[in-house]
Amino acid sequence: MSELRFLGHAAFELRLDGKVILFDPWTTGNPQSPLASADDIEAADIILVSHDHSDHGFDDAVRIAKRTGATVVAVAELANRFRDEGIARVVSGNIGGTVGVSGIRITFVQAVHSAGAGVPCGFVVRSPNLGLYFAGDTALFGDMSFLADEKIDVAIPPIGGTFTMDIRAAAKSAERIRPRTVVPMHYGTFPDIVADTDEFTRLVGNKARTEILSPGAVLSLR
C-alpha cells in the first residue's frame, strides 16, 4: 500500500514501493506546514522540484538532500543549481523526457508558468503499483488531455488561482486527465490564493473522487 501525506501548500510526501518521494518540499517558513522546518523530514530517497520559486522548496530540498543522501530530480538548469550547492545525487531531464530513479519512472511534463532557472514542469511518477501526476504550478492547457493515456491514479493540481489555474480550470483538468482521484494543492496559504474546496469538489463531480487533505493528513492509495 502507498501513502500520500500533505505537507502544506504544494509540498507532499509519497511513500511508494518502499521509497520516500518528496514533491516541492517547502516546509521552512511555510505557514501551512505541519513541520517546523525541513529538519523534521526524517527520510527521503527522491526529491522532485518543479521550479525554483521560493514557495516550492529549493532551499529545503538542498538541506534535505545533504542530510539524507536523497536523489534530486529537476529540469536541466535547475539541476545544475543543485549541483552548484554540492548535492551529490542529481538527475536532470526536460519536458517529455523520462528518467528512472531507484525503480521509479519519472516523466517531466509541461507546466504553463514561469521560472528563474530553466522552465517549470510537472511530473508523472509511475511504478507497477501507481501512476501519479503532480502538476506543479500551471495553467490549464490543452495537452493535459494526453495524460489520460497515462492512466493516472492520482492527480495533484493547483487550484488557488492568481498564479495558477483556479477551481474551474482545475476541475476541467480532471475532465481531461481522467484520474481516479484528485487531490488539490496550492490554495489557502496566502490571501490571494484562497479557494472554495467544496465548490471544487462539486465542479469535479463524478469525473474523479476528490480528496481534500488538511496539512499533515495522510491518504492511503491502493
Protein backbone atom coordinates (compact mmCIF):
# COMPACT_ATOMS: atom_id res chain seq x y z
CA MET A 1 0.00 0.00 0.00
CA SER A 2 1.19 3.53 -0.85
CA GLU A 3 0.58 6.67 1.17
CA LEU A 4 0.43 10.35 0.27
CA ARG A 5 0.98 12.92 3.04
CA PHE A 6 0.18 16.59 2.50
CA LEU A 7 2.87 18.89 3.91
CA GLY A 8 1.03 22.13 3.12
CA HIS A 9 0.84 24.41 0.09
CA ALA A 10 2.40 22.33 -2.73
CA ALA A 11 4.56 20.00 -0.63
CA PHE A 12 3.85 16.28 -0.47
CA GLU A 13 5.49 13.10 0.76
CA LEU A 14 4.73 9.93 -1.19
CA ARG A 15 5.63 6.51 0.18
CA LEU A 16 5.73 4.21 -2.81
CA ASP A 17 7.28 0.75 -3.18
CA GLY A 18 9.45 1.24 -0.12
CA LYS A 19 10.71 4.65 -1.27
CA VAL A 20 10.05 8.10 0.20
CA ILE A 21 9.46 10.67 -2.54
CA LEU A 22 9.13 14.38 -1.78
CA PHE A 23 7.47 16.91 -4.07
CA ASP A 24 8.34 20.63 -3.79
CA PRO A 25 9.27 20.25 -0.11
CA TRP A 26 8.80 23.82 1.15
CA THR A 27 8.46 23.44 4.91
CA THR A 28 10.68 26.09 6.49
CA GLY A 29 8.52 29.21 6.75
CA ASN A 30 5.52 27.51 5.17
CA PRO A 31 2.50 28.70 7.20
CA GLN A 32 0.54 25.58 6.24
CA SER A 33 3.24 23.05 7.03
CA PRO A 34 2.72 20.62 9.91
CA LEU A 35 6.52 20.56 10.23
CA ALA A 36 8.62 23.27 11.87
CA SER A 37 11.35 23.04 9.22
CA ALA A 38 12.98 20.77 6.68
CA ASP A 39 14.98 19.22 9.51
CA ASP A 40 11.80 17.45 10.65
CA ILE A 41 11.79 15.32 7.48
CA GLU A 42 13.46 12.16 8.70
CA ALA A 43 13.91 10.24 5.45
CA ALA A 44 13.88 10.83 1.70
CA ASP A 45 15.02 8.79 -1.28
CA ILE A 46 13.91 11.05 -4.15
CA ILE A 47 13.13 14.78 -4.17
CA LEU A 48 11.26 16.28 -7.12
CA VAL A 49 11.35 20.06 -7.53
CA SER A 50 9.09 21.54 -10.19
CA HIS A 51 10.66 25.02 -10.38
CA ASP A 52 12.70 27.48 -8.37
CA HIS A 53 10.10 29.84 -6.90
CA SER A 54 10.64 30.21 -3.17
CA ASP A 55 7.37 28.52 -2.19
CA HIS A 56 8.40 25.26 -3.87
CA GLY A 57 11.31 24.28 -1.71
CA PHE A 58 14.65 24.68 -3.46
CA ASP A 59 16.46 25.65 -0.23
CA ASP A 60 14.72 22.97 1.81
CA ALA A 61 15.45 20.38 -0.87
CA VAL A 62 19.15 21.21 -0.60
CA ARG A 63 19.07 20.75 3.18
CA ILE A 64 17.13 17.51 2.98
CA ALA A 65 19.27 16.01 0.22
CA LYS A 66 22.51 16.79 2.05
CA ARG A 67 21.23 15.19 5.24
CA THR A 68 19.52 12.12 3.76
CA GLY A 69 21.52 11.45 0.60
CA ALA A 70 18.35 11.66 -1.50
CA THR A 71 18.49 11.99 -5.27
CA VAL A 72 17.16 15.33 -6.54
CA VAL A 73 15.26 15.35 -9.85
CA ALA A 74 14.76 18.63 -11.74
CA VAL A 75 14.96 20.17 -15.21
CA ALA A 76 18.50 20.62 -16.50
CA GLU A 77 19.13 24.24 -15.49
CA LEU A 78 17.65 23.81 -12.03
CA ALA A 79 19.54 20.55 -11.63
CA ASN A 80 22.77 22.48 -12.24
CA ARG A 81 21.84 24.83 -9.40
CA PHE A 82 21.51 21.84 -7.11
CA ARG A 83 24.92 20.59 -8.22
CA ASP A 84 26.37 24.04 -7.50
CA GLU A 85 25.02 23.66 -3.95
CA GLY A 86 27.03 20.47 -3.54
CA ILE A 87 24.25 17.92 -3.93
CA ALA A 88 25.91 14.63 -4.80
CA ARG A 89 22.99 12.84 -6.44
CA VAL A 90 21.17 14.87 -9.07
CA VAL A 91 19.21 13.58 -12.07
CA SER A 92 18.27 16.08 -14.77
CA GLY A 93 15.81 15.91 -17.63
CA ASN A 94 13.49 18.11 -19.62
CA ILE A 95 9.92 18.28 -20.85
CA GLY A 96 8.88 14.99 -22.44
CA GLY A 97 11.85 13.10 -21.04
CA THR A 98 11.67 10.14 -18.69
CA VAL A 99 14.24 9.07 -16.13
CA GLY A 100 14.44 6.11 -13.80
CA VAL A 101 15.45 6.54 -10.17
CA SER A 102 15.53 3.63 -7.73
CA GLY A 103 12.99 1.70 -9.77
CA ILE A 104 10.60 4.67 -10.07
CA ARG A 105 9.79 6.06 -13.53
CA ILE A 106 9.58 9.87 -13.63
CA THR A 107 8.41 11.80 -16.69
CA PHE A 108 8.83 15.56 -17.00
CA VAL A 109 5.66 17.19 -18.31
CA GLN A 110 4.77 20.71 -19.34
CA ALA A 111 3.65 23.36 -16.84
CA VAL A 112 2.47 26.77 -18.05
CA HIS A 113 4.05 29.10 -15.52
CA SER A 114 7.37 30.92 -15.05
CA ALA A 115 10.74 30.12 -13.52
CA GLY A 116 14.12 31.69 -12.94
CA ALA A 117 16.16 28.63 -13.94
CA GLY A 118 15.07 26.70 -17.00
CA VAL A 119 11.34 26.05 -17.35
CA PRO A 120 8.70 24.96 -14.84
CA CYS A 121 7.43 21.42 -15.07
CA GLY A 122 5.13 18.83 -13.62
CA PHE A 123 5.92 15.17 -13.06
CA VAL A 124 4.26 11.86 -13.81
CA VAL A 125 5.57 9.33 -11.31
CA ARG A 126 4.94 5.70 -12.08
CA SER A 127 5.64 2.33 -10.54
CA PRO A 128 3.92 -1.00 -11.20
CA ASN A 129 1.52 -0.07 -8.39
CA LEU A 130 0.68 3.59 -9.02
CA GLY A 131 0.55 6.40 -11.57
CA LEU A 132 0.61 9.90 -10.06
CA TYR A 133 0.56 13.30 -11.77
CA PHE A 134 1.97 16.23 -9.80
CA ALA A 135 1.11 19.29 -11.86
CA GLY A 136 3.39 21.85 -10.21
CA ASP A 137 2.33 25.44 -10.78
CA THR A 138 0.42 25.60 -14.04
CA ALA A 139 -2.48 26.98 -16.02
CA LEU A 140 -4.88 24.66 -17.79
CA PHE A 141 -3.51 23.64 -21.17
CA GLY A 142 -4.81 21.50 -23.99
CA ASP A 143 -2.13 18.82 -23.92
CA MET A 144 -3.31 17.71 -20.48
CA SER A 145 -5.66 15.51 -22.49
CA PHE A 146 -2.71 13.32 -23.45
CA LEU A 147 -2.21 12.45 -19.79
CA ALA A 148 -5.39 10.38 -19.97
CA ASP A 149 -3.30 7.83 -21.88
CA GLU A 150 -1.07 7.50 -18.80
CA LYS A 151 -3.98 6.08 -16.78
CA ILE A 152 -3.35 8.36 -13.82
CA ASP A 153 -4.48 7.06 -10.44
CA VAL A 154 -3.91 10.32 -8.55
CA ALA A 155 -3.73 13.86 -9.96
CA ILE A 156 -2.49 16.77 -7.83
CA PRO A 157 -3.44 20.11 -9.46
CA PRO A 158 -3.14 23.65 -8.07
CA ILE A 159 -6.49 25.37 -7.54
CA GLY A 160 -5.71 28.74 -5.92
CA GLY A 161 -5.90 30.97 -8.99
CA THR A 162 -3.89 34.22 -9.38
CA PHE A 163 -0.58 32.40 -10.01
CA THR A 164 -2.03 29.09 -11.25
CA MET A 165 -5.31 27.73 -12.54
CA ASP A 166 -8.35 28.18 -10.34
CA ILE A 167 -11.01 25.70 -9.23
CA ARG A 168 -12.90 25.81 -12.53
CA ALA A 169 -9.83 25.23 -14.65
CA ALA A 170 -8.57 22.56 -12.27
CA ALA A 171 -11.91 20.76 -12.46
CA LYS A 172 -11.61 20.94 -16.25
CA SER A 173 -8.16 19.36 -15.96
CA ALA A 174 -9.74 16.40 -14.15
CA GLU A 175 -12.14 16.01 -17.06
CA ARG A 176 -9.21 15.90 -19.48
CA ILE A 177 -6.86 13.68 -17.46
CA ARG A 178 -9.49 11.27 -16.11
CA PRO A 179 -7.68 10.28 -12.91
CA ARG A 180 -9.27 8.06 -10.31
CA THR A 181 -8.57 10.57 -7.52
CA VAL A 182 -7.87 14.31 -7.42
CA VAL A 183 -6.03 15.97 -4.52
CA PRO A 184 -5.94 19.78 -4.82
CA MET A 185 -2.97 21.87 -3.70
CA HIS A 186 -1.56 25.42 -3.80
CA TYR A 187 -4.50 27.19 -2.19
CA GLY A 188 -5.28 28.96 1.06
CA THR A 189 -1.67 29.62 2.01
CA PHE A 190 -1.93 33.34 1.26
CA PRO A 191 -4.90 35.71 0.88
CA ASP A 192 -4.62 35.87 -2.90
CA ILE A 193 -4.91 32.11 -3.42
CA VAL A 194 -7.99 31.33 -1.34
CA ALA A 195 -10.20 28.66 -2.95
CA ASP A 196 -13.55 27.08 -2.14
CA THR A 197 -12.79 23.36 -1.90
CA ASP A 198 -16.47 22.45 -1.57
CA GLU A 199 -17.15 24.18 -4.87
CA PHE A 200 -14.13 22.47 -6.42
CA THR A 201 -15.47 19.09 -5.31
CA ARG A 202 -18.86 19.94 -6.82
CA LEU A 203 -17.29 21.02 -10.11
CA VAL A 204 -15.23 17.83 -10.38
CA GLY A 205 -18.41 15.85 -9.71
CA ASN A 206 -18.24 12.27 -10.92
CA LYS A 207 -15.19 12.87 -13.10
CA ALA A 208 -12.99 11.68 -10.23
CA ARG A 209 -13.04 11.13 -6.48
CA THR A 210 -11.94 14.36 -4.79
CA GLU A 211 -9.88 14.15 -1.60
CA ILE A 212 -9.37 17.38 0.35
CA LEU A 213 -6.37 16.90 2.64
CA SER A 214 -5.60 19.10 5.60
CA PRO A 215 -1.89 19.71 6.23
CA GLY A 216 -0.39 16.63 7.81
CA ALA A 217 -3.19 14.33 6.63
CA VAL A 218 -2.31 11.00 5.03
CA LEU A 219 -4.23 9.43 2.15
CA SER A 220 -3.90 5.68 1.63
CA LEU A 221 -3.54 4.76 -2.03
CA ARG A 222 -4.49 1.26 -3.07
